[in-house]
Amino acid sequence: MVTVDDLVTRSRAGVHRPDPHQAHAAHRAGALLVDIRPVQQRAEEGGIPGALVIERNVLEWRLDPAGSHRIPEATGHDVEVVLVCSEGYASSLAAASLRELGLHRATDLDGGFRAWAAAGLPTESVTLPGAPARPHS
């Protein structure tokens, strides 16, 4: 029997997971920084300016370069992708799934959005659809 902890450990084996500053530099150099958190969680925690938002439930369809539902940025299997979730667990599993699709440079942000924000990197407020805008602290 396998536990979710086993799956996370396997998904991280042999993979470089950038820290927030490394992920920020990679994004500035052209890597796709992809926030996979649901809108409710992004509204509570905040977002990352310039990150693509692709919620987890459609991630593979949007980033598969051979898929009919891919986004324009999914130009090939060599695209560097850094996934972001809240703390870096769901994103590790999602990055492993992308690597299975042949996106061999897919990885995830070590510590997730919370580590990004704690590192003092840029964040922005996210408003729920239909809700009035509110300042982000």
N, C-alpha and C. Protein backbone atom coordinates (compact mmCIF):
# COMPACT_ATOMS: atom_id res chain seq x y z
N MET A 1 0.84 -1.17 0.00
CA MET A 1 0.00 0.00 0.00
C MET A 1 0.89 1.25 0.00
N VAL A 2 0.46 2.27 -0.71
CA VAL A 2 1.19 3.53 -0.82
C VAL A 2 0.40 4.64 -0.14
N THR A 3 1.10 5.51 0.57
CA THR A 3 0.44 6.65 1.19
C THR A 3 0.67 7.90 0.34
N VAL A 4 -0.06 8.96 0.63
CA VAL A 4 0.14 10.21 -0.09
C VAL A 4 1.54 10.75 0.18
N ASP A 5 2.05 10.55 1.38
CA ASP A 5 3.43 10.97 1.67
C ASP A 5 4.43 10.24 0.78
N ASP A 6 4.17 8.95 0.53
CA ASP A 6 5.02 8.18 -0.39
C ASP A 6 4.97 8.78 -1.80
N LEU A 7 3.78 9.15 -2.23
CA LEU A 7 3.63 9.75 -3.57
C LEU A 7 4.39 11.07 -3.67
N VAL A 8 4.29 11.90 -2.65
CA VAL A 8 5.01 13.18 -2.66
C VAL A 8 6.51 12.92 -2.69
N THR A 9 6.99 12.00 -1.87
CA THR A 9 8.42 11.69 -1.85
C THR A 9 8.89 11.20 -3.22
N ARG A 10 8.13 10.32 -3.83
CA ARG A 10 8.48 9.82 -5.17
C ARG A 10 8.48 10.94 -6.20
N SER A 11 7.50 11.83 -6.11
CA SER A 11 7.38 12.90 -7.10
C SER A 11 8.55 13.88 -7.01
N ARG A 12 9.19 13.97 -5.87
CA ARG A 12 10.31 14.90 -5.66
C ARG A 12 11.68 14.26 -5.90
N ALA A 13 11.71 12.94 -6.02
CA ALA A 13 12.99 12.24 -6.16
C ALA A 13 13.75 12.70 -7.40
N GLY A 14 14.97 13.19 -7.17
CA GLY A 14 15.84 13.58 -8.26
C GLY A 14 15.45 14.86 -8.98
N VAL A 15 14.53 15.63 -8.40
CA VAL A 15 14.03 16.85 -9.04
C VAL A 15 14.50 18.06 -8.24
N HIS A 16 15.04 19.05 -8.96
CA HIS A 16 15.39 20.31 -8.30
C HIS A 16 14.11 21.11 -8.11
N ARG A 17 13.82 21.46 -6.88
CA ARG A 17 12.66 22.30 -6.55
C ARG A 17 13.20 23.66 -6.15
N PRO A 18 13.00 24.68 -6.98
CA PRO A 18 13.57 25.98 -6.68
C PRO A 18 12.97 26.62 -5.44
N ASP A 19 13.81 27.36 -4.72
CA ASP A 19 13.31 28.16 -3.61
C ASP A 19 12.64 29.40 -4.21
N PRO A 20 11.99 30.23 -3.40
CA PRO A 20 11.28 31.38 -3.96
C PRO A 20 12.15 32.30 -4.83
N HIS A 21 13.35 32.60 -4.39
CA HIS A 21 14.21 33.51 -5.17
C HIS A 21 14.65 32.87 -6.48
N GLN A 22 14.92 31.57 -6.45
CA GLN A 22 15.28 30.87 -7.69
C GLN A 22 14.10 30.82 -8.65
N ALA A 23 12.90 30.59 -8.12
CA ALA A 23 11.70 30.55 -8.97
C ALA A 23 11.43 31.93 -9.57
N HIS A 24 11.61 32.97 -8.78
CA HIS A 24 11.42 34.33 -9.27
C HIS A 24 12.40 34.62 -10.41
N ALA A 25 13.66 34.24 -10.23
CA ALA A 25 14.67 34.44 -11.28
C ALA A 25 14.33 33.62 -12.53
N ALA A 26 13.89 32.39 -12.34
CA ALA A 26 13.52 31.55 -13.49
C ALA A 26 12.35 32.17 -14.25
N HIS A 27 11.38 32.69 -13.53
CA HIS A 27 10.23 33.33 -14.16
C HIS A 27 10.69 34.56 -14.95
N ARG A 28 11.54 35.34 -14.36
CA ARG A 28 12.05 36.54 -15.05
C ARG A 28 12.87 36.16 -16.28
N ALA A 29 13.45 34.95 -16.29
CA ALA A 29 14.25 34.48 -17.43
C ALA A 29 13.39 33.75 -18.46
N GLY A 30 12.08 33.63 -18.22
CA GLY A 30 11.19 33.04 -19.21
C GLY A 30 10.46 31.77 -18.82
N ALA A 31 10.74 31.23 -17.65
CA ALA A 31 10.00 30.03 -17.21
C ALA A 31 8.54 30.38 -16.98
N LEU A 32 7.68 29.42 -17.23
CA LEU A 32 6.26 29.60 -16.90
C LEU A 32 6.08 29.37 -15.41
N LEU A 33 5.60 30.36 -14.71
CA LEU A 33 5.26 30.25 -13.30
C LEU A 33 3.75 30.06 -13.27
N VAL A 34 3.30 28.89 -12.81
CA VAL A 34 1.90 28.52 -12.92
C VAL A 34 1.30 28.27 -11.54
N ASP A 35 0.33 29.10 -11.18
CA ASP A 35 -0.38 28.99 -9.90
C ASP A 35 -1.54 28.03 -10.09
N ILE A 36 -1.51 26.92 -9.38
CA ILE A 36 -2.55 25.88 -9.54
C ILE A 36 -3.60 25.91 -8.43
N ARG A 37 -3.52 26.90 -7.55
CA ARG A 37 -4.47 26.96 -6.42
C ARG A 37 -5.86 27.35 -6.90
N PRO A 38 -6.89 26.86 -6.24
CA PRO A 38 -8.26 27.29 -6.58
C PRO A 38 -8.46 28.76 -6.24
N VAL A 39 -9.39 29.40 -6.91
CA VAL A 39 -9.63 30.83 -6.76
C VAL A 39 -9.89 31.22 -5.30
N GLN A 40 -10.60 30.41 -4.55
CA GLN A 40 -10.87 30.73 -3.14
C GLN A 40 -9.58 30.83 -2.35
N GLN A 41 -8.66 29.91 -2.59
CA GLN A 41 -7.40 29.94 -1.87
C GLN A 41 -6.55 31.13 -2.30
N ARG A 42 -6.55 31.45 -3.60
CA ARG A 42 -5.81 32.63 -4.06
C ARG A 42 -6.41 33.91 -3.48
N ALA A 43 -7.74 33.95 -3.35
CA ALA A 43 -8.39 35.13 -2.76
C ALA A 43 -7.99 35.29 -1.29
N GLU A 44 -7.84 34.19 -0.59
CA GLU A 44 -7.45 34.24 0.83
C GLU A 44 -5.98 34.58 1.02
N GLU A 45 -5.11 34.00 0.18
CA GLU A 45 -3.67 34.13 0.38
C GLU A 45 -3.03 35.23 -0.48
N GLY A 46 -3.58 35.47 -1.63
CA GLY A 46 -2.98 36.40 -2.58
C GLY A 46 -2.45 35.66 -3.80
N GLY A 47 -2.02 36.43 -4.77
CA GLY A 47 -1.49 35.86 -6.00
C GLY A 47 -0.10 36.36 -6.27
N ILE A 48 0.48 35.86 -7.37
CA ILE A 48 1.81 36.27 -7.80
C ILE A 48 1.65 37.02 -9.12
N PRO A 49 2.05 38.29 -9.17
CA PRO A 49 1.93 39.05 -10.40
C PRO A 49 2.67 38.35 -11.56
N GLY A 50 2.00 38.22 -12.68
CA GLY A 50 2.61 37.63 -13.86
C GLY A 50 2.51 36.12 -13.95
N ALA A 51 2.07 35.47 -12.88
CA ALA A 51 1.93 34.01 -12.93
C ALA A 51 0.71 33.65 -13.76
N LEU A 52 0.82 32.56 -14.49
CA LEU A 52 -0.35 32.01 -15.16
C LEU A 52 -1.19 31.31 -14.11
N VAL A 53 -2.49 31.44 -14.20
CA VAL A 53 -3.39 30.74 -13.28
C VAL A 53 -4.05 29.62 -14.07
N ILE A 54 -3.70 28.39 -13.68
CA ILE A 54 -4.31 27.20 -14.28
C ILE A 54 -4.64 26.29 -13.12
N GLU A 55 -5.90 26.22 -12.77
CA GLU A 55 -6.26 25.41 -11.61
C GLU A 55 -5.94 23.94 -11.86
N ARG A 56 -5.66 23.24 -10.80
CA ARG A 56 -5.17 21.87 -10.85
C ARG A 56 -6.03 20.94 -11.69
N ASN A 57 -7.32 21.13 -11.67
CA ASN A 57 -8.21 20.18 -12.35
C ASN A 57 -8.10 20.21 -13.87
N VAL A 58 -7.47 21.24 -14.45
CA VAL A 58 -7.31 21.30 -15.92
C VAL A 58 -5.85 21.43 -16.33
N LEU A 59 -4.94 21.29 -15.41
CA LEU A 59 -3.52 21.56 -15.65
C LEU A 59 -2.95 20.76 -16.83
N GLU A 60 -3.12 19.46 -16.82
CA GLU A 60 -2.54 18.64 -17.88
C GLU A 60 -3.11 18.99 -19.25
N TRP A 61 -4.39 19.28 -19.33
CA TRP A 61 -5.02 19.64 -20.60
C TRP A 61 -4.45 20.96 -21.14
N ARG A 62 -4.14 21.90 -20.26
CA ARG A 62 -3.66 23.21 -20.70
C ARG A 62 -2.18 23.22 -21.03
N LEU A 63 -1.39 22.34 -20.42
CA LEU A 63 0.06 22.38 -20.64
C LEU A 63 0.60 21.26 -21.53
N ASP A 64 -0.23 20.31 -21.92
CA ASP A 64 0.22 19.25 -22.83
C ASP A 64 0.45 19.85 -24.21
N PRO A 65 1.70 19.92 -24.67
CA PRO A 65 1.97 20.54 -25.97
C PRO A 65 1.26 19.85 -27.13
N ALA A 66 0.90 18.59 -26.95
CA ALA A 66 0.23 17.85 -28.01
C ALA A 66 -1.29 17.86 -27.85
N GLY A 67 -1.79 18.51 -26.83
CA GLY A 67 -3.22 18.48 -26.54
C GLY A 67 -4.01 19.53 -27.30
N SER A 68 -5.25 19.23 -27.53
CA SER A 68 -6.12 20.15 -28.26
C SER A 68 -6.62 21.31 -27.39
N HIS A 69 -6.45 21.23 -26.08
CA HIS A 69 -6.92 22.29 -25.18
C HIS A 69 -5.75 23.05 -24.54
N ARG A 70 -4.60 22.96 -25.14
CA ARG A 70 -3.41 23.62 -24.59
C ARG A 70 -3.49 25.13 -24.71
N ILE A 71 -2.76 25.80 -23.83
CA ILE A 71 -2.63 27.25 -23.90
C ILE A 71 -1.52 27.60 -24.88
N PRO A 72 -1.49 28.82 -25.40
CA PRO A 72 -0.46 29.19 -26.37
C PRO A 72 0.97 29.05 -25.83
N GLU A 73 1.16 29.20 -24.54
CA GLU A 73 2.49 29.08 -23.94
C GLU A 73 3.02 27.65 -23.92
N ALA A 74 2.16 26.67 -24.14
CA ALA A 74 2.57 25.26 -24.14
C ALA A 74 3.15 24.92 -25.51
N THR A 75 4.35 25.43 -25.76
CA THR A 75 4.94 25.35 -27.10
C THR A 75 5.75 24.09 -27.37
N GLY A 76 6.06 23.33 -26.35
CA GLY A 76 6.84 22.11 -26.55
C GLY A 76 7.20 21.48 -25.22
N HIS A 77 7.87 20.34 -25.32
CA HIS A 77 8.22 19.58 -24.12
C HIS A 77 9.42 20.15 -23.38
N ASP A 78 10.11 21.12 -23.98
CA ASP A 78 11.27 21.73 -23.33
C ASP A 78 10.93 22.97 -22.51
N VAL A 79 9.67 23.35 -22.47
CA VAL A 79 9.26 24.54 -21.71
C VAL A 79 9.55 24.31 -20.23
N GLU A 80 10.17 25.31 -19.61
CA GLU A 80 10.41 25.24 -18.17
C GLU A 80 9.14 25.69 -17.46
N VAL A 81 8.65 24.85 -16.55
CA VAL A 81 7.42 25.12 -15.82
C VAL A 81 7.70 24.99 -14.33
N VAL A 82 7.32 26.03 -13.57
CA VAL A 82 7.42 26.00 -12.11
C VAL A 82 6.01 26.16 -11.57
N LEU A 83 5.50 25.11 -10.93
CA LEU A 83 4.15 25.13 -10.39
C LEU A 83 4.15 25.68 -8.96
N VAL A 84 3.05 26.34 -8.61
CA VAL A 84 2.90 26.92 -7.28
C VAL A 84 1.56 26.48 -6.70
N CYS A 85 1.61 25.93 -5.50
CA CYS A 85 0.39 25.71 -4.71
C CYS A 85 0.59 26.47 -3.41
N SER A 86 -0.16 26.17 -2.40
CA SER A 86 -0.06 26.93 -1.16
C SER A 86 1.25 26.65 -0.41
N GLU A 87 1.58 25.36 -0.22
CA GLU A 87 2.74 25.01 0.59
C GLU A 87 3.75 24.11 -0.12
N GLY A 88 3.47 23.70 -1.36
CA GLY A 88 4.43 22.90 -2.11
C GLY A 88 4.22 21.40 -2.06
N TYR A 89 3.03 20.96 -1.76
CA TYR A 89 2.76 19.52 -1.76
C TYR A 89 1.95 19.11 -2.99
N ALA A 90 0.80 19.73 -3.19
CA ALA A 90 -0.01 19.42 -4.38
C ALA A 90 0.76 19.73 -5.65
N SER A 91 1.58 20.78 -5.61
CA SER A 91 2.35 21.14 -6.80
C SER A 91 3.42 20.10 -7.11
N SER A 92 3.96 19.43 -6.12
CA SER A 92 4.93 18.35 -6.39
C SER A 92 4.26 17.21 -7.14
N LEU A 93 3.06 16.84 -6.71
CA LEU A 93 2.32 15.78 -7.40
C LEU A 93 1.96 16.20 -8.82
N ALA A 94 1.54 17.45 -8.99
CA ALA A 94 1.16 17.95 -10.30
C ALA A 94 2.36 18.02 -11.24
N ALA A 95 3.52 18.44 -10.72
CA ALA A 95 4.72 18.50 -11.55
C ALA A 95 5.11 17.10 -12.03
N ALA A 96 4.97 16.11 -11.17
CA ALA A 96 5.27 14.73 -11.59
C ALA A 96 4.35 14.30 -12.72
N SER A 97 3.09 14.69 -12.66
CA SER A 97 2.14 14.37 -13.72
C SER A 97 2.56 15.03 -15.04
N LEU A 98 3.02 16.27 -14.97
CA LEU A 98 3.48 16.95 -16.19
C LEU A 98 4.73 16.29 -16.76
N ARG A 99 5.61 15.84 -15.89
CA ARG A 99 6.79 15.12 -16.39
C ARG A 99 6.40 13.84 -17.09
N GLU A 100 5.34 13.18 -16.62
CA GLU A 100 4.85 11.98 -17.30
C GLU A 100 4.35 12.31 -18.70
N LEU A 101 3.89 13.54 -18.91
CA LEU A 101 3.46 13.99 -20.24
C LEU A 101 4.64 14.39 -21.12
N GLY A 102 5.85 14.32 -20.58
CA GLY A 102 7.03 14.66 -21.35
C GLY A 102 7.58 16.04 -21.09
N LEU A 103 6.95 16.79 -20.19
CA LEU A 103 7.45 18.13 -19.84
C LEU A 103 8.58 17.94 -18.81
N HIS A 104 9.75 17.56 -19.30
CA HIS A 104 10.84 17.12 -18.44
C HIS A 104 11.41 18.23 -17.57
N ARG A 105 11.08 19.49 -17.85
CA ARG A 105 11.57 20.61 -17.03
C ARG A 105 10.51 21.11 -16.05
N ALA A 106 9.46 20.34 -15.85
CA ALA A 106 8.41 20.72 -14.90
C ALA A 106 8.86 20.43 -13.48
N THR A 107 8.68 21.42 -12.62
CA THR A 107 9.02 21.29 -11.21
C THR A 107 8.04 22.14 -10.41
N ASP A 108 8.33 22.32 -9.13
CA ASP A 108 7.44 23.15 -8.32
C ASP A 108 8.23 23.95 -7.29
N LEU A 109 7.60 25.01 -6.84
CA LEU A 109 8.20 25.93 -5.88
C LEU A 109 8.26 25.28 -4.50
N ASP A 110 9.47 25.14 -3.99
CA ASP A 110 9.67 24.58 -2.66
C ASP A 110 9.04 25.52 -1.63
N GLY A 111 8.05 25.06 -0.91
CA GLY A 111 7.37 25.86 0.10
C GLY A 111 6.14 26.58 -0.41
N GLY A 112 5.92 26.57 -1.72
CA GLY A 112 4.71 27.13 -2.30
C GLY A 112 4.57 28.64 -2.13
N PHE A 113 3.34 29.10 -2.34
CA PHE A 113 3.05 30.53 -2.25
C PHE A 113 3.43 31.10 -0.90
N ARG A 114 3.21 30.34 0.15
CA ARG A 114 3.51 30.87 1.49
C ARG A 114 5.00 31.19 1.63
N ALA A 115 5.87 30.35 1.06
CA ALA A 115 7.31 30.62 1.10
C ALA A 115 7.64 31.84 0.24
N TRP A 116 6.97 31.96 -0.91
CA TRP A 116 7.17 33.11 -1.81
C TRP A 116 6.85 34.41 -1.05
N ALA A 117 5.69 34.45 -0.43
CA ALA A 117 5.27 35.65 0.30
C ALA A 117 6.21 35.92 1.49
N ALA A 118 6.61 34.88 2.21
CA ALA A 118 7.50 35.05 3.36
C ALA A 118 8.87 35.56 2.93
N ALA A 119 9.26 35.28 1.68
CA ALA A 119 10.54 35.75 1.16
C ALA A 119 10.47 37.22 0.74
N GLY A 120 9.28 37.81 0.83
CA GLY A 120 9.13 39.22 0.48
C GLY A 120 9.03 39.49 -1.01
N LEU A 121 8.75 38.45 -1.80
CA LEU A 121 8.61 38.62 -3.24
C LEU A 121 7.24 39.20 -3.57
N PRO A 122 7.07 39.77 -4.77
CA PRO A 122 5.81 40.46 -5.10
C PRO A 122 4.58 39.55 -5.01
N THR A 123 3.54 40.10 -4.40
CA THR A 123 2.23 39.44 -4.35
C THR A 123 1.18 40.46 -4.73
N GLU A 124 -0.01 39.96 -5.00
CA GLU A 124 -1.13 40.84 -5.34
C GLU A 124 -2.40 40.27 -4.77
N SER A 125 -3.40 41.12 -4.60
CA SER A 125 -4.69 40.64 -4.10
C SER A 125 -5.43 39.96 -5.24
N VAL A 126 -6.26 39.01 -4.87
CA VAL A 126 -7.09 38.28 -5.82
C VAL A 126 -8.52 38.39 -5.31
N THR A 127 -9.42 38.80 -6.18
CA THR A 127 -10.82 38.98 -5.81
C THR A 127 -11.65 37.82 -6.36
N LEU A 128 -12.52 37.30 -5.54
CA LEU A 128 -13.44 36.26 -6.01
C LEU A 128 -14.35 36.85 -7.08
N PRO A 129 -14.69 36.07 -8.09
CA PRO A 129 -15.63 36.58 -9.10
C PRO A 129 -16.90 37.07 -8.44
N GLY A 130 -17.31 38.27 -8.80
CA GLY A 130 -18.54 38.85 -8.27
C GLY A 130 -18.39 39.55 -6.94
N ALA A 131 -17.19 39.49 -6.35
CA ALA A 131 -16.96 40.13 -5.05
C ALA A 131 -16.30 41.48 -5.27
N PRO A 132 -16.56 42.43 -4.38
CA PRO A 132 -15.88 43.73 -4.51
C PRO A 132 -14.38 43.57 -4.24
N ALA A 133 -13.58 44.40 -4.89
CA ALA A 133 -12.13 44.37 -4.70
C ALA A 133 -11.79 44.76 -3.27
N ARG A 134 -10.73 44.16 -2.72
CA ARG A 134 -10.28 44.51 -1.39
C ARG A 134 -8.76 44.61 -1.42
N PRO A 135 -8.19 45.46 -0.60
CA PRO A 135 -6.72 45.57 -0.57
C PRO A 135 -6.10 44.31 -0.02
N HIS A 136 -4.91 43.97 -0.52
CA HIS A 136 -4.17 42.80 -0.03
C HIS A 136 -3.16 43.26 1.01
N SER A 137 -3.13 42.59 2.13
CA SER A 137 -2.18 42.99 3.19
C SER A 137 -0.86 42.28 3.04
